[in-house]
């Protein structure tokens, strides 16, 4: 949960930067990298939880 809050706060910061800065490309790339990191984290979490459930069924 703590990580999700950190990501949400970071997106807010990036949106504030967009208003005050003219380099929209840099900021949108930053948002893309955040989403890429977040999706990787979710995939790893989903993979480990499914593997864990699979092991628990066999026990």
Protein backbone atom coordinates (compact mmCIF):
# COMPACT_ATOMS: atom_id res chain seq x y z
CA UNK A 1 0.00 0.00 0.00
CA UNK A 2 2.82 2.41 0.86
CA UNK A 3 4.30 2.10 -2.64
CA UNK A 4 0.96 2.95 -4.28
CA UNK A 5 0.69 6.14 -2.21
CA UNK A 6 4.26 7.11 -3.18
CA UNK A 7 3.44 6.63 -6.88
CA UNK A 8 0.24 8.69 -6.60
CA UNK A 9 2.17 11.50 -4.89
CA UNK A 10 4.82 11.37 -7.62
CA UNK A 11 2.20 11.65 -10.38
CA UNK A 12 0.77 14.73 -8.61
CA UNK A 13 4.25 16.28 -8.57
CA UNK A 14 4.72 15.57 -12.28
CA UNK A 15 1.35 17.15 -13.11
CA UNK A 16 2.33 20.28 -11.15
CA UNK A 17 5.61 20.41 -13.09
CA UNK A 18 3.68 20.21 -16.39
CA UNK A 19 1.81 23.42 -15.55
CA UNK A 20 4.99 25.36 -14.76
CA UNK A 21 7.22 23.88 -17.46
CA UNK A 22 7.13 23.96 -21.27
CA UNK A 23 8.91 20.61 -21.76
CA UNK A 24 5.78 18.44 -21.85
CA UNK A 25 7.65 15.58 -23.55
CA UNK A 26 10.03 15.07 -20.62
CA UNK A 27 7.15 14.97 -18.15
CA UNK A 28 5.06 12.56 -20.22
CA UNK A 29 8.10 10.27 -20.53
CA UNK A 30 8.43 10.43 -16.75
CA UNK A 31 4.79 9.36 -16.35
CA UNK A 32 5.32 6.51 -18.84
CA UNK A 33 8.33 5.24 -16.89
CA UNK A 34 6.28 5.34 -13.66
CA UNK A 35 3.52 3.26 -15.27
CA UNK A 36 6.09 0.86 -16.71
CA UNK A 37 7.63 0.37 -13.25
CA UNK A 38 4.18 -0.01 -11.68
CA UNK A 39 3.04 -2.63 -14.22
CA UNK A 40 6.27 -4.60 -13.70
CA UNK A 41 5.70 -4.50 -9.94
CA UNK A 42 2.09 -5.71 -10.38
CA UNK A 43 3.16 -8.52 -12.74
CA UNK A 44 5.81 -9.74 -10.28
CA UNK A 45 3.31 -9.54 -7.41
CA UNK A 46 0.66 -11.46 -9.43
CA UNK A 47 3.23 -14.10 -10.46
CA UNK A 48 4.44 -14.70 -6.90
CA UNK A 49 0.91 -14.84 -5.47
CA UNK A 50 -0.22 -17.36 -8.13
CA UNK A 51 2.87 -19.52 -7.54
CA UNK A 52 2.25 -19.34 -3.78
CA UNK A 53 -1.40 -20.42 -4.23
CA UNK A 54 -0.26 -23.31 -6.47
CA UNK A 55 2.20 -24.51 -3.80
CA UNK A 56 -0.44 -24.21 -1.05
CA UNK A 57 -2.85 -26.43 -3.02
CA UNK A 58 -0.30 -29.26 -3.16
CA UNK A 59 0.45 -29.17 0.58
